[in-house]
Amino acid sequence: MKFETKELQTKGIKIFLEENGKEIARAYIYLIYNDLHNRPYALLEDVFVEEEYRNKGIGTQIVKEAINLAK
């Protein structure tokens, strides 16, 4: 049995927020193409908000932005 390979297109986007030159929040989305779908699907990964900026809605906003970009 001989397995074959095929390279697939994937695109990564980093969404982040900076304050005073410091990254305080980030999220990554990866748009993944495969033979099962006509259009790519998105994978959301590594959503992070620095501790002192938590509970201010920043995480929710960055996830909403990721969803909008993925669409």
N, C-alpha and C. Protein backbone atom coordinates (compact mmCIF):
# COMPACT_ATOMS: atom_id res chain seq x y z
N MET A 1 0.85 -1.16 0.00
CA MET A 1 0.00 0.00 0.00
C MET A 1 0.91 1.24 0.00
N LYS A 2 0.64 2.16 -0.92
CA LYS A 2 1.43 3.38 -1.01
C LYS A 2 0.52 4.59 -0.77
N PHE A 3 0.81 5.31 0.29
CA PHE A 3 0.03 6.51 0.59
C PHE A 3 0.51 7.66 -0.28
N GLU A 4 -0.44 8.47 -0.70
CA GLU A 4 -0.10 9.66 -1.48
C GLU A 4 -0.32 10.89 -0.61
N THR A 5 0.29 11.99 -0.98
CA THR A 5 0.11 13.24 -0.25
C THR A 5 -0.31 14.33 -1.21
N LYS A 6 -0.93 15.35 -0.64
CA LYS A 6 -1.39 16.50 -1.41
C LYS A 6 -1.31 17.70 -0.48
N GLU A 7 -0.63 18.75 -0.91
CA GLU A 7 -0.55 19.95 -0.09
C GLU A 7 -1.86 20.70 -0.18
N LEU A 8 -2.32 21.19 0.96
CA LEU A 8 -3.56 21.93 1.03
C LEU A 8 -3.28 23.36 1.46
N GLN A 9 -4.10 24.25 1.00
CA GLN A 9 -3.93 25.66 1.32
C GLN A 9 -4.52 25.95 2.70
N THR A 10 -3.77 26.66 3.53
CA THR A 10 -4.23 27.11 4.84
C THR A 10 -3.73 28.53 5.04
N LYS A 11 -4.56 29.35 5.65
CA LYS A 11 -4.19 30.74 5.89
C LYS A 11 -4.37 31.04 7.38
N GLY A 12 -3.37 31.66 7.98
CA GLY A 12 -3.44 32.03 9.39
C GLY A 12 -3.52 33.54 9.55
N ILE A 13 -4.35 33.97 10.51
CA ILE A 13 -4.50 35.40 10.80
C ILE A 13 -4.38 35.59 12.31
N LYS A 14 -3.54 36.52 12.71
CA LYS A 14 -3.40 36.88 14.13
C LYS A 14 -4.17 38.17 14.36
N ILE A 15 -5.03 38.16 15.36
CA ILE A 15 -5.78 39.33 15.76
C ILE A 15 -5.22 39.72 17.13
N PHE A 16 -4.86 40.97 17.29
CA PHE A 16 -4.29 41.35 18.58
C PHE A 16 -4.62 42.79 18.91
N LEU A 17 -4.45 43.11 20.18
CA LEU A 17 -4.70 44.44 20.70
C LEU A 17 -3.47 44.86 21.48
N GLU A 18 -2.99 46.06 21.19
CA GLU A 18 -1.83 46.60 21.91
C GLU A 18 -2.23 47.84 22.69
N GLU A 19 -1.57 48.02 23.80
CA GLU A 19 -1.72 49.23 24.59
C GLU A 19 -0.34 49.67 25.04
N ASN A 20 0.02 50.89 24.72
CA ASN A 20 1.34 51.44 25.05
C ASN A 20 2.46 50.54 24.54
N GLY A 21 2.31 49.99 23.33
CA GLY A 21 3.33 49.16 22.72
C GLY A 21 3.41 47.74 23.25
N LYS A 22 2.48 47.36 24.13
CA LYS A 22 2.47 46.01 24.70
C LYS A 22 1.23 45.26 24.21
N GLU A 23 1.44 44.04 23.75
CA GLU A 23 0.32 43.21 23.32
C GLU A 23 -0.44 42.76 24.56
N ILE A 24 -1.73 43.11 24.62
CA ILE A 24 -2.52 42.75 25.80
C ILE A 24 -3.55 41.66 25.52
N ALA A 25 -3.81 41.41 24.25
CA ALA A 25 -4.78 40.36 23.90
C ALA A 25 -4.46 39.85 22.50
N ARG A 26 -4.79 38.56 22.28
CA ARG A 26 -4.54 37.97 20.96
C ARG A 26 -5.45 36.77 20.74
N ALA A 27 -5.60 36.46 19.47
CA ALA A 27 -6.30 35.24 19.06
C ALA A 27 -5.80 34.92 17.65
N TYR A 28 -5.80 33.67 17.31
CA TYR A 28 -5.40 33.24 15.98
C TYR A 28 -6.57 32.51 15.34
N ILE A 29 -6.76 32.77 14.05
CA ILE A 29 -7.69 31.94 13.30
C ILE A 29 -6.94 31.37 12.11
N TYR A 30 -7.27 30.14 11.80
CA TYR A 30 -6.68 29.44 10.67
C TYR A 30 -7.81 29.03 9.75
N LEU A 31 -7.73 29.48 8.51
CA LEU A 31 -8.71 29.11 7.50
C LEU A 31 -8.17 27.89 6.77
N ILE A 32 -8.89 26.79 6.87
CA ILE A 32 -8.41 25.50 6.41
C ILE A 32 -9.27 25.00 5.25
N TYR A 33 -8.61 24.62 4.21
CA TYR A 33 -9.28 24.07 3.03
C TYR A 33 -9.06 22.56 3.01
N ASN A 34 -10.12 21.81 2.67
CA ASN A 34 -9.97 20.38 2.44
C ASN A 34 -11.00 19.90 1.43
N ASP A 35 -10.89 18.67 1.04
CA ASP A 35 -11.76 18.13 0.00
C ASP A 35 -13.19 17.89 0.47
N LEU A 36 -13.45 18.00 1.76
CA LEU A 36 -14.78 17.74 2.29
C LEU A 36 -15.71 18.94 2.19
N HIS A 37 -15.13 20.13 1.99
CA HIS A 37 -15.91 21.36 2.00
C HIS A 37 -15.63 22.18 0.74
N ASN A 38 -16.64 22.87 0.26
CA ASN A 38 -16.45 23.77 -0.89
C ASN A 38 -15.73 25.04 -0.49
N ARG A 39 -15.91 25.44 0.75
CA ARG A 39 -15.29 26.65 1.27
C ARG A 39 -14.44 26.27 2.48
N PRO A 40 -13.50 27.12 2.87
CA PRO A 40 -12.68 26.78 4.03
C PRO A 40 -13.49 26.85 5.31
N TYR A 41 -13.00 26.18 6.33
CA TYR A 41 -13.58 26.33 7.66
C TYR A 41 -12.51 26.97 8.54
N ALA A 42 -12.92 27.54 9.66
CA ALA A 42 -11.99 28.27 10.51
C ALA A 42 -11.76 27.55 11.82
N LEU A 43 -10.53 27.61 12.28
CA LEU A 43 -10.13 27.09 13.58
C LEU A 43 -9.67 28.27 14.41
N LEU A 44 -10.29 28.47 15.57
CA LEU A 44 -9.92 29.54 16.50
C LEU A 44 -8.98 28.94 17.53
N GLU A 45 -7.85 29.63 17.77
CA GLU A 45 -6.84 29.04 18.64
C GLU A 45 -6.14 30.13 19.44
N ASP A 46 -5.70 29.82 20.62
CA ASP A 46 -4.86 30.65 21.48
C ASP A 46 -5.47 32.02 21.77
N VAL A 47 -6.72 32.03 22.23
CA VAL A 47 -7.33 33.29 22.68
C VAL A 47 -6.75 33.59 24.05
N PHE A 48 -6.18 34.80 24.19
CA PHE A 48 -5.49 35.15 25.44
C PHE A 48 -5.65 36.63 25.72
N VAL A 49 -5.90 36.96 27.00
CA VAL A 49 -5.94 38.34 27.48
C VAL A 49 -5.06 38.40 28.72
N GLU A 50 -4.15 39.38 28.74
CA GLU A 50 -3.30 39.56 29.92
C GLU A 50 -4.17 39.73 31.16
N GLU A 51 -3.71 39.17 32.28
CA GLU A 51 -4.51 39.10 33.49
C GLU A 51 -5.07 40.45 33.95
N GLU A 52 -4.27 41.50 33.89
CA GLU A 52 -4.75 42.79 34.38
C GLU A 52 -5.80 43.44 33.48
N TYR A 53 -6.03 42.86 32.29
CA TYR A 53 -7.04 43.38 31.36
C TYR A 53 -8.26 42.47 31.26
N ARG A 54 -8.33 41.46 32.06
CA ARG A 54 -9.45 40.52 32.01
C ARG A 54 -10.70 41.12 32.67
N ASN A 55 -11.85 40.52 32.39
CA ASN A 55 -13.14 40.94 32.92
C ASN A 55 -13.55 42.33 32.45
N LYS A 56 -13.06 42.72 31.28
CA LYS A 56 -13.42 44.01 30.68
C LYS A 56 -14.07 43.81 29.32
N GLY A 57 -14.34 42.57 28.94
CA GLY A 57 -14.99 42.29 27.67
C GLY A 57 -14.04 42.20 26.47
N ILE A 58 -12.74 42.32 26.71
CA ILE A 58 -11.78 42.28 25.61
C ILE A 58 -11.77 40.91 24.94
N GLY A 59 -11.82 39.85 25.74
CA GLY A 59 -11.83 38.49 25.18
C GLY A 59 -13.05 38.27 24.29
N THR A 60 -14.19 38.71 24.75
CA THR A 60 -15.42 38.59 23.96
C THR A 60 -15.30 39.37 22.65
N GLN A 61 -14.76 40.56 22.72
CA GLN A 61 -14.61 41.39 21.52
C GLN A 61 -13.65 40.76 20.52
N ILE A 62 -12.57 40.20 21.00
CA ILE A 62 -11.57 39.60 20.08
C ILE A 62 -12.14 38.34 19.43
N VAL A 63 -12.94 37.58 20.17
CA VAL A 63 -13.59 36.40 19.59
C VAL A 63 -14.61 36.82 18.54
N LYS A 64 -15.38 37.85 18.81
CA LYS A 64 -16.34 38.36 17.82
C LYS A 64 -15.62 38.84 16.56
N GLU A 65 -14.50 39.51 16.73
CA GLU A 65 -13.71 39.95 15.58
C GLU A 65 -13.21 38.76 14.78
N ALA A 66 -12.77 37.71 15.48
CA ALA A 66 -12.29 36.49 14.80
C ALA A 66 -13.42 35.86 13.99
N ILE A 67 -14.60 35.81 14.55
CA ILE A 67 -15.75 35.23 13.85
C ILE A 67 -16.06 36.05 12.60
N ASN A 68 -16.06 37.38 12.72
CA ASN A 68 -16.33 38.24 11.56
C ASN A 68 -15.29 38.03 10.46
N LEU A 69 -14.02 37.95 10.84
CA LEU A 69 -12.98 37.73 9.85
C LEU A 69 -13.11 36.36 9.18
N ALA A 70 -13.49 35.37 9.96
CA ALA A 70 -13.63 34.02 9.42
C ALA A 70 -14.76 33.94 8.41
N LYS A 71 -15.80 34.72 8.63
CA LYS A 71 -16.94 34.72 7.70
C LYS A 71 -16.52 35.28 6.36
